[in-house]
Amino acid sequence: MSRLLRNTERKETVAKENRKYKDSVFCDLYYLDETAEKNLLELYNGLFNADLQDTSLIRKVRLEDVLFRNMKNDVAFSVGNRRIILSEHQSTINKNLAVRMLMYIAREYEKLMPVRARYSESQYQLMTPSFLVFYNGEEDQPEEQVLRLSDAFTEPCGPNGKLELEVRVVNINTDKKHKLLEKCGTLRQYSEFVEKTRQFAGNKKRLERAVKECIREDILAGYLGRKSEEVVNMLMAEYDYEMDIEVHSQEAEARGEAKGRTEGRTEGLVQQVLKKLKKSCTVAQIAEALEETEDKISRIVGIAQKYAPEYDERKILDEVLASAES
């Protein structure tokens, strides 16, 4: 892969990470809306077979961009200062989620643990973590699966210290009939809402009709009744964001292919020039034989002569490509 292509991909990655975060309907429902604490408590009860009723036990602890640049998971909350739950809503399965969750929980503990406690001889009690992903994409996935941090390691940890983190991935598509949907009415209705609206992604009028249909069928009726216009706007923003990423990806791929063809031709030319140089041919003779301009051949020969008499082809090619980019 060329230096230019690597730089291009690096710039695009940074650009994506620095875009303004747009909260999805899921984030709004479970973190920002006036019913968020109630919805989180219901979710906690469903996950842990509990029967808590006091929403004051819920504390929202999501990392915010202001403090932790480029680190913001969908929903994070603690319950009674005993357990912290980090969760994400995904329409695709990202194999690096366990790594991301490790970064999130490290930041959470850094934020929650007093500085002095880190150096105290006494054991500081950390809230027990749980890591969850709620999947409702269109690609068929099992009802439930586990993503492990150790799957990313180059080799097993062995006896000299171990580190593991497991992410529970729950498929909340209604056709999978996960038991969690029976326990969490809000999550079930959210899944039904997604199924009714995703086929109209990018079509505002159809989305508005779908939202009205959900209200008539008592699917998130109270929430949608208060926020129907805002929800449609969020759905449109999500669609625009995904389309933007897709277009950028296609453009980067096209640029990479074009650059690859150019590099291939340059590599072939350098190889031919080096063969002629080793036979003591002049610039004029090489240019005539290869049907190239003397100016172009002269630049290659000038670089190649720095590496005479071995003529390291890789180094010569890299320098030729770098000079063409500058």
Protein backbone atom coordinates (compact mmCIF):
# COMPACT_ATOMS: atom_id res chain seq x y z
CA MET A 1 0.00 0.00 0.00
CA SER A 2 1.41 3.40 -0.94
CA ARG A 3 2.37 6.12 1.51
CA LEU A 4 -0.19 8.47 -0.08
CA LEU A 5 -3.00 5.95 0.26
CA ARG A 6 -2.09 5.26 3.89
CA ASN A 7 -2.11 9.01 4.58
CA THR A 8 -5.46 9.39 2.83
CA GLU A 9 -7.03 6.62 4.90
CA ARG A 10 -5.56 8.06 8.10
CA LYS A 11 -7.01 11.51 7.35
CA GLU A 12 -10.43 10.04 6.57
CA THR A 13 -10.41 8.01 9.79
CA VAL A 14 -9.63 11.11 11.83
CA ALA A 15 -12.32 13.05 9.98
CA LYS A 16 -14.91 10.40 10.81
CA GLU A 17 -13.89 10.30 14.47
CA ASN A 18 -14.08 14.09 14.75
CA ARG A 19 -17.56 14.45 13.25
CA LYS A 20 -20.19 15.84 15.59
CA TYR A 21 -21.83 12.94 17.37
CA LYS A 22 -25.51 12.59 16.54
CA ASP A 23 -27.56 10.76 19.14
CA SER A 24 -29.76 8.02 17.71
CA VAL A 25 -33.33 7.25 18.72
CA PHE A 26 -31.95 4.47 20.92
CA CYS A 27 -29.65 6.90 22.76
CA ASP A 28 -32.43 9.42 23.16
CA LEU A 29 -34.86 6.83 24.46
CA TYR A 30 -32.41 5.33 26.94
CA TYR A 31 -30.32 8.34 27.90
CA LEU A 32 -31.70 11.77 27.05
CA ASP A 33 -35.49 11.53 27.14
CA GLU A 34 -37.49 12.37 30.27
CA THR A 35 -38.34 8.66 30.59
CA ALA A 36 -34.70 7.51 30.28
CA GLU A 37 -34.22 6.57 33.96
CA LYS A 38 -37.45 4.57 33.93
CA ASN A 39 -36.39 2.80 30.73
CA LEU A 40 -32.93 2.07 32.13
CA LEU A 41 -34.38 0.62 35.32
CA GLU A 42 -36.66 -1.63 33.28
CA LEU A 43 -33.67 -2.72 31.21
CA TYR A 44 -31.61 -3.45 34.32
CA ASN A 45 -34.43 -5.51 35.85
CA GLY A 46 -34.73 -7.51 32.64
CA LEU A 47 -31.00 -8.14 32.36
CA PHE A 48 -30.48 -9.18 35.99
CA ASN A 49 -33.90 -10.63 36.85
CA ALA A 50 -34.31 -7.91 39.46
CA ASP A 51 -37.37 -6.03 40.64
CA LEU A 52 -36.05 -2.58 41.52
CA GLN A 53 -38.64 0.22 41.53
CA ASP A 54 -36.63 3.29 42.59
CA THR A 55 -35.38 5.22 39.56
CA SER A 56 -33.15 7.33 41.83
CA LEU A 57 -30.79 4.32 41.92
CA ILE A 58 -29.97 5.02 38.26
CA ARG A 59 -27.03 7.30 37.54
CA LYS A 60 -26.10 8.12 33.95
CA VAL A 61 -22.32 8.01 33.50
CA ARG A 62 -21.73 8.13 29.75
CA LEU A 63 -18.37 9.56 28.70
CA GLU A 64 -18.77 12.94 27.05
CA ASP A 65 -16.73 14.29 24.14
CA VAL A 66 -15.71 17.40 26.08
CA LEU A 67 -13.67 15.33 28.53
CA PHE A 68 -12.72 12.34 26.42
CA ARG A 69 -12.23 13.22 22.76
CA ASN A 70 -13.53 10.62 20.30
CA MET A 71 -14.74 8.34 23.12
CA LYS A 72 -18.48 8.22 23.60
CA ASN A 73 -20.44 5.01 23.94
CA ASP A 74 -24.21 4.93 23.44
CA VAL A 75 -25.51 4.32 26.96
CA ALA A 76 -23.66 3.95 30.25
CA PHE A 77 -25.30 3.88 33.68
CA SER A 78 -24.69 2.67 37.18
CA VAL A 79 -27.18 1.16 39.58
CA GLY A 80 -26.91 1.84 43.30
CA ASN A 81 -23.16 2.41 43.07
CA ARG A 82 -22.71 -1.37 42.80
CA ARG A 83 -22.83 -2.12 39.10
CA ILE A 84 -21.91 -0.16 35.98
CA ILE A 85 -23.41 -1.12 32.62
CA LEU A 86 -21.87 -0.03 29.33
CA SER A 87 -23.97 -0.69 26.25
CA GLU A 88 -24.04 0.03 22.56
CA HIS A 89 -26.71 -0.26 19.91
CA GLN A 90 -25.36 -1.69 16.65
CA SER A 91 -26.77 -2.54 13.23
CA THR A 92 -23.54 -4.40 12.36
CA ILE A 93 -21.28 -6.61 14.44
CA ASN A 94 -17.91 -4.97 15.01
CA LYS A 95 -15.31 -7.51 16.14
CA ASN A 96 -13.40 -4.73 17.94
CA LEU A 97 -16.23 -3.97 20.37
CA ALA A 98 -14.47 -5.74 23.23
CA VAL A 99 -11.40 -3.56 22.70
CA ARG A 100 -13.57 -0.45 22.64
CA MET A 101 -15.36 -1.52 25.81
CA LEU A 102 -11.99 -1.96 27.52
CA MET A 103 -11.13 1.63 26.60
CA TYR A 104 -14.51 2.84 27.82
CA ILE A 105 -14.40 1.10 31.19
CA ALA A 106 -10.81 2.24 31.79
CA ARG A 107 -11.93 5.82 31.23
CA GLU A 108 -14.99 5.33 33.44
CA TYR A 109 -12.89 3.97 36.32
CA GLU A 110 -10.37 6.78 35.82
CA LYS A 111 -13.21 9.28 36.12
CA LEU A 112 -14.89 7.60 39.10
CA MET A 113 -11.89 6.58 41.21
CA PRO A 114 -10.33 9.31 43.39
CA VAL A 115 -6.70 10.00 42.57
CA ARG A 116 -5.51 9.36 46.11
CA ALA A 117 -7.28 6.00 46.19
CA ARG A 118 -5.11 4.75 43.32
CA TYR A 119 -2.06 4.88 45.59
CA SER A 120 -3.68 3.74 48.81
CA GLU A 121 -2.70 0.40 50.37
CA SER A 122 -6.37 -0.32 51.04
CA GLN A 123 -8.40 -2.05 48.34
CA TYR A 124 -10.70 0.38 46.58
CA GLN A 125 -14.05 -1.13 45.65
CA LEU A 126 -14.95 -0.71 41.97
CA MET A 127 -18.44 -1.12 40.63
CA THR A 128 -18.87 -4.45 38.84
CA PRO A 129 -18.99 -3.89 35.07
CA SER A 130 -21.29 -5.39 32.46
CA PHE A 131 -20.81 -4.97 28.72
CA LEU A 132 -23.71 -5.24 26.31
CA VAL A 133 -24.44 -4.73 22.65
CA PHE A 134 -27.99 -4.63 21.35
CA TYR A 135 -27.98 -5.76 17.73
CA ASN A 136 -30.86 -5.16 15.32
CA GLY A 137 -29.23 -5.14 11.90
CA GLU A 138 -30.58 -6.86 8.80
CA GLU A 139 -27.74 -9.38 8.51
CA ASP A 140 -28.70 -12.66 10.13
CA GLN A 141 -26.99 -13.11 13.48
CA PRO A 142 -27.55 -15.60 16.31
CA GLU A 143 -29.95 -14.83 19.12
CA GLU A 144 -26.99 -14.20 21.38
CA GLN A 145 -23.19 -14.31 21.14
CA VAL A 146 -20.13 -13.26 23.10
CA LEU A 147 -17.23 -11.14 21.86
CA ARG A 148 -14.00 -11.61 23.84
CA LEU A 149 -11.06 -9.28 24.23
CA SER A 150 -8.68 -12.24 24.15
CA ASP A 151 -9.71 -12.95 20.55
CA ALA A 152 -7.72 -9.84 19.62
CA PHE A 153 -4.52 -11.02 21.30
CA THR A 154 -1.63 -12.27 19.21
CA GLU A 155 -1.22 -15.25 21.55
CA PRO A 156 -2.75 -16.59 24.80
CA CYS A 157 -1.92 -14.67 27.98
CA GLY A 158 -0.42 -17.66 29.77
CA PRO A 159 0.43 -17.79 33.48
CA ASN A 160 2.08 -14.37 33.74
CA GLY A 161 -1.03 -12.31 34.27
CA LYS A 162 -4.30 -12.42 32.35
CA LEU A 163 -6.73 -9.88 30.96
CA GLU A 164 -10.18 -10.71 29.67
CA LEU A 165 -13.37 -8.83 28.88
CA GLU A 166 -16.55 -10.32 27.47
CA VAL A 167 -19.26 -8.42 25.64
CA ARG A 168 -22.72 -9.95 25.57
CA VAL A 169 -24.35 -9.36 22.19
CA VAL A 170 -28.13 -9.62 22.26
CA ASN A 171 -30.04 -9.81 18.99
CA ILE A 172 -33.16 -7.73 19.59
CA ASN A 173 -34.76 -8.31 16.19
CA THR A 174 -38.29 -9.47 16.95
CA ASP A 175 -38.01 -12.62 14.83
CA LYS A 176 -35.31 -13.94 17.20
CA LYS A 177 -37.75 -13.69 20.12
CA HIS A 178 -35.03 -13.13 22.71
CA LYS A 179 -36.35 -13.52 26.25
CA LEU A 180 -35.12 -10.04 27.12
CA LEU A 181 -37.80 -8.55 24.86
CA GLU A 182 -40.46 -10.30 26.95
CA LYS A 183 -39.09 -8.67 30.09
CA CYS A 184 -38.46 -5.20 28.63
CA GLY A 185 -41.50 -3.73 26.92
CA THR A 186 -39.68 -0.56 25.89
CA LEU A 187 -36.87 -2.53 24.21
CA ARG A 188 -39.40 -4.75 22.43
CA GLN A 189 -41.33 -1.73 21.17
CA TYR A 190 -38.11 -0.07 20.06
CA SER A 191 -37.28 -3.15 18.00
CA GLU A 192 -40.77 -3.11 16.47
CA PHE A 193 -40.33 0.59 15.71
CA VAL A 194 -37.04 -0.07 13.90
CA GLU A 195 -38.61 -2.80 11.79
CA LYS A 196 -41.40 -0.47 10.72
CA THR A 197 -39.14 2.47 9.86
CA ARG A 198 -35.87 1.14 8.44
CA GLN A 199 -37.34 0.26 5.06
CA PHE A 200 -38.11 3.98 4.61
CA ALA A 201 -34.61 5.28 5.46
CA GLY A 202 -34.00 8.58 3.69
CA ASN A 203 -37.68 9.15 2.81
CA LYS A 204 -38.99 11.75 5.24
CA LYS A 205 -42.67 11.56 4.25
CA ARG A 206 -42.74 7.77 4.49
CA LEU A 207 -40.98 7.94 7.86
CA GLU A 208 -43.56 10.41 9.14
CA ARG A 209 -46.34 8.01 8.11
CA ALA A 210 -44.53 5.09 9.74
CA VAL A 211 -44.20 7.01 13.00
CA LYS A 212 -47.93 7.80 12.97
CA GLU A 213 -48.64 4.13 12.34
CA CYS A 214 -46.50 3.17 15.34
CA ILE A 215 -48.48 5.58 17.53
CA ARG A 216 -51.77 4.05 16.34
CA GLU A 217 -50.45 0.56 17.12
CA ASP A 218 -49.23 1.64 20.57
CA ILE A 219 -45.55 1.17 19.70
CA LEU A 220 -43.60 3.72 21.79
CA ALA A 221 -46.80 5.74 21.55
CA GLY A 222 -46.10 8.12 24.44
CA TYR A 223 -42.53 8.80 23.36
CA LEU A 224 -43.38 9.24 19.68
CA GLY A 225 -46.42 11.35 20.52
CA ARG A 226 -44.16 13.86 22.27
CA LYS A 227 -41.24 13.68 19.84
CA SER A 228 -42.49 12.55 16.43
CA GLU A 229 -40.86 15.40 14.49
CA GLU A 230 -37.60 15.12 16.43
CA VAL A 231 -37.51 11.36 15.91
CA VAL A 232 -37.98 11.70 12.15
CA ASN A 233 -35.17 14.24 12.06
CA MET A 234 -32.92 11.86 14.02
CA LEU A 235 -33.68 9.05 11.59
CA MET A 236 -32.89 11.29 8.64
CA ALA A 237 -29.64 12.40 10.29
CA GLU A 238 -28.63 8.76 10.88
CA TYR A 239 -29.34 7.95 7.24
CA ASP A 240 -27.34 10.97 6.00
CA TYR A 241 -24.43 10.00 8.25
CA GLU A 242 -24.35 6.40 6.99
CA MET A 243 -24.65 7.58 3.39
CA ASP A 244 -21.81 10.04 3.96
CA ILE A 245 -19.56 7.26 5.27
CA GLU A 246 -20.47 4.99 2.34
CA VAL A 247 -19.73 7.70 -0.23
CA HIS A 248 -16.41 8.55 1.43
CA SER A 249 -15.50 4.87 1.51
CA GLN A 250 -16.28 4.43 -2.19
CA GLU A 251 -14.29 7.54 -3.09
CA ALA A 252 -11.30 6.37 -1.04
CA GLU A 253 -11.47 2.95 -2.70
CA ALA A 254 -11.56 4.52 -6.15
CA ARG A 255 -8.60 6.75 -5.31
CA GLY A 256 -6.71 3.76 -3.96
CA GLU A 257 -7.33 1.74 -7.12
CA ALA A 258 -6.22 4.63 -9.34
CA LYS A 259 -3.13 5.19 -7.21
CA GLY A 260 -2.36 1.49 -7.29
CA ARG A 261 -2.44 1.43 -11.10
CA THR A 262 -0.13 4.47 -11.24
CA GLU A 263 2.31 2.90 -8.79
CA GLY A 264 2.28 -0.34 -10.74
CA ARG A 265 3.27 1.48 -13.94
CA THR A 266 5.97 3.44 -12.09
CA GLU A 267 7.37 0.27 -10.54
CA GLY A 268 7.60 -1.37 -13.94
CA LEU A 269 9.36 1.67 -15.38
CA VAL A 270 11.90 1.79 -12.52
CA GLN A 271 12.69 -1.89 -13.03
CA GLN A 272 13.33 -1.32 -16.74
CA VAL A 273 15.49 1.75 -16.08
CA LEU A 274 17.62 -0.17 -13.56
CA LYS A 275 18.19 -2.98 -16.05
CA LYS A 276 19.40 -0.47 -18.65
CA LEU A 277 21.59 1.34 -16.10
CA LYS A 278 23.33 -1.89 -15.17
CA LYS A 279 24.20 -2.25 -18.86
CA SER A 280 25.75 1.26 -18.77
CA CYS A 281 23.09 2.81 -21.04
CA THR A 282 22.82 6.61 -21.14
CA VAL A 283 19.69 8.58 -20.25
CA ALA A 284 19.04 9.25 -23.93
CA GLN A 285 19.39 5.57 -24.82
CA ILE A 286 17.06 4.50 -22.00
CA ALA A 287 14.46 7.12 -22.92
CA GLU A 288 14.48 6.04 -26.55
CA ALA A 289 14.29 2.33 -25.72
CA LEU A 290 11.42 2.78 -23.25
CA GLU A 291 9.67 5.50 -25.27
CA GLU A 292 9.71 7.95 -22.36
CA THR A 293 10.88 11.57 -22.11
CA GLU A 294 14.52 12.16 -21.19
CA ASP A 295 13.37 14.44 -18.36
CA LYS A 296 11.36 11.63 -16.74
CA ILE A 297 14.17 9.08 -17.16
CA SER A 298 16.72 11.59 -15.88
CA ARG A 299 14.80 12.03 -12.60
CA ILE A 300 14.69 8.26 -12.05
CA VAL A 301 18.36 7.84 -12.95
CA GLY A 302 19.31 10.68 -10.60
CA ILE A 303 17.61 8.90 -7.70
CA ALA A 304 18.94 5.49 -8.70
CA GLN A 305 22.53 6.68 -8.76
CA LYS A 306 22.29 7.43 -5.04
CA TYR A 307 21.97 3.69 -4.48
CA ALA A 308 24.64 2.53 -6.95
CA PRO A 309 26.09 0.02 -7.43
CA GLU A 310 23.57 -2.22 -5.56
CA TYR A 311 20.53 -0.26 -6.81
CA ASP A 312 18.08 -1.10 -3.99
CA GLU A 313 14.89 -1.26 -6.05
CA ARG A 314 12.50 -0.80 -3.10
CA LYS A 315 14.23 2.33 -1.82
CA ILE A 316 14.55 3.77 -5.31
CA LEU A 317 10.84 3.17 -6.02
CA ASP A 318 9.80 4.74 -2.70
CA GLU A 319 11.85 7.85 -3.43
CA VAL A 320 10.55 8.10 -7.00
CA LEU A 321 6.96 7.88 -5.75
CA ALA A 322 7.65 10.41 -2.99
CA SER A 323 9.14 12.87 -5.45
CA ALA A 324 6.09 12.50 -7.70
CA GLU A 325 3.77 13.29 -4.75
CA SER A 326 5.67 16.41 -3.69
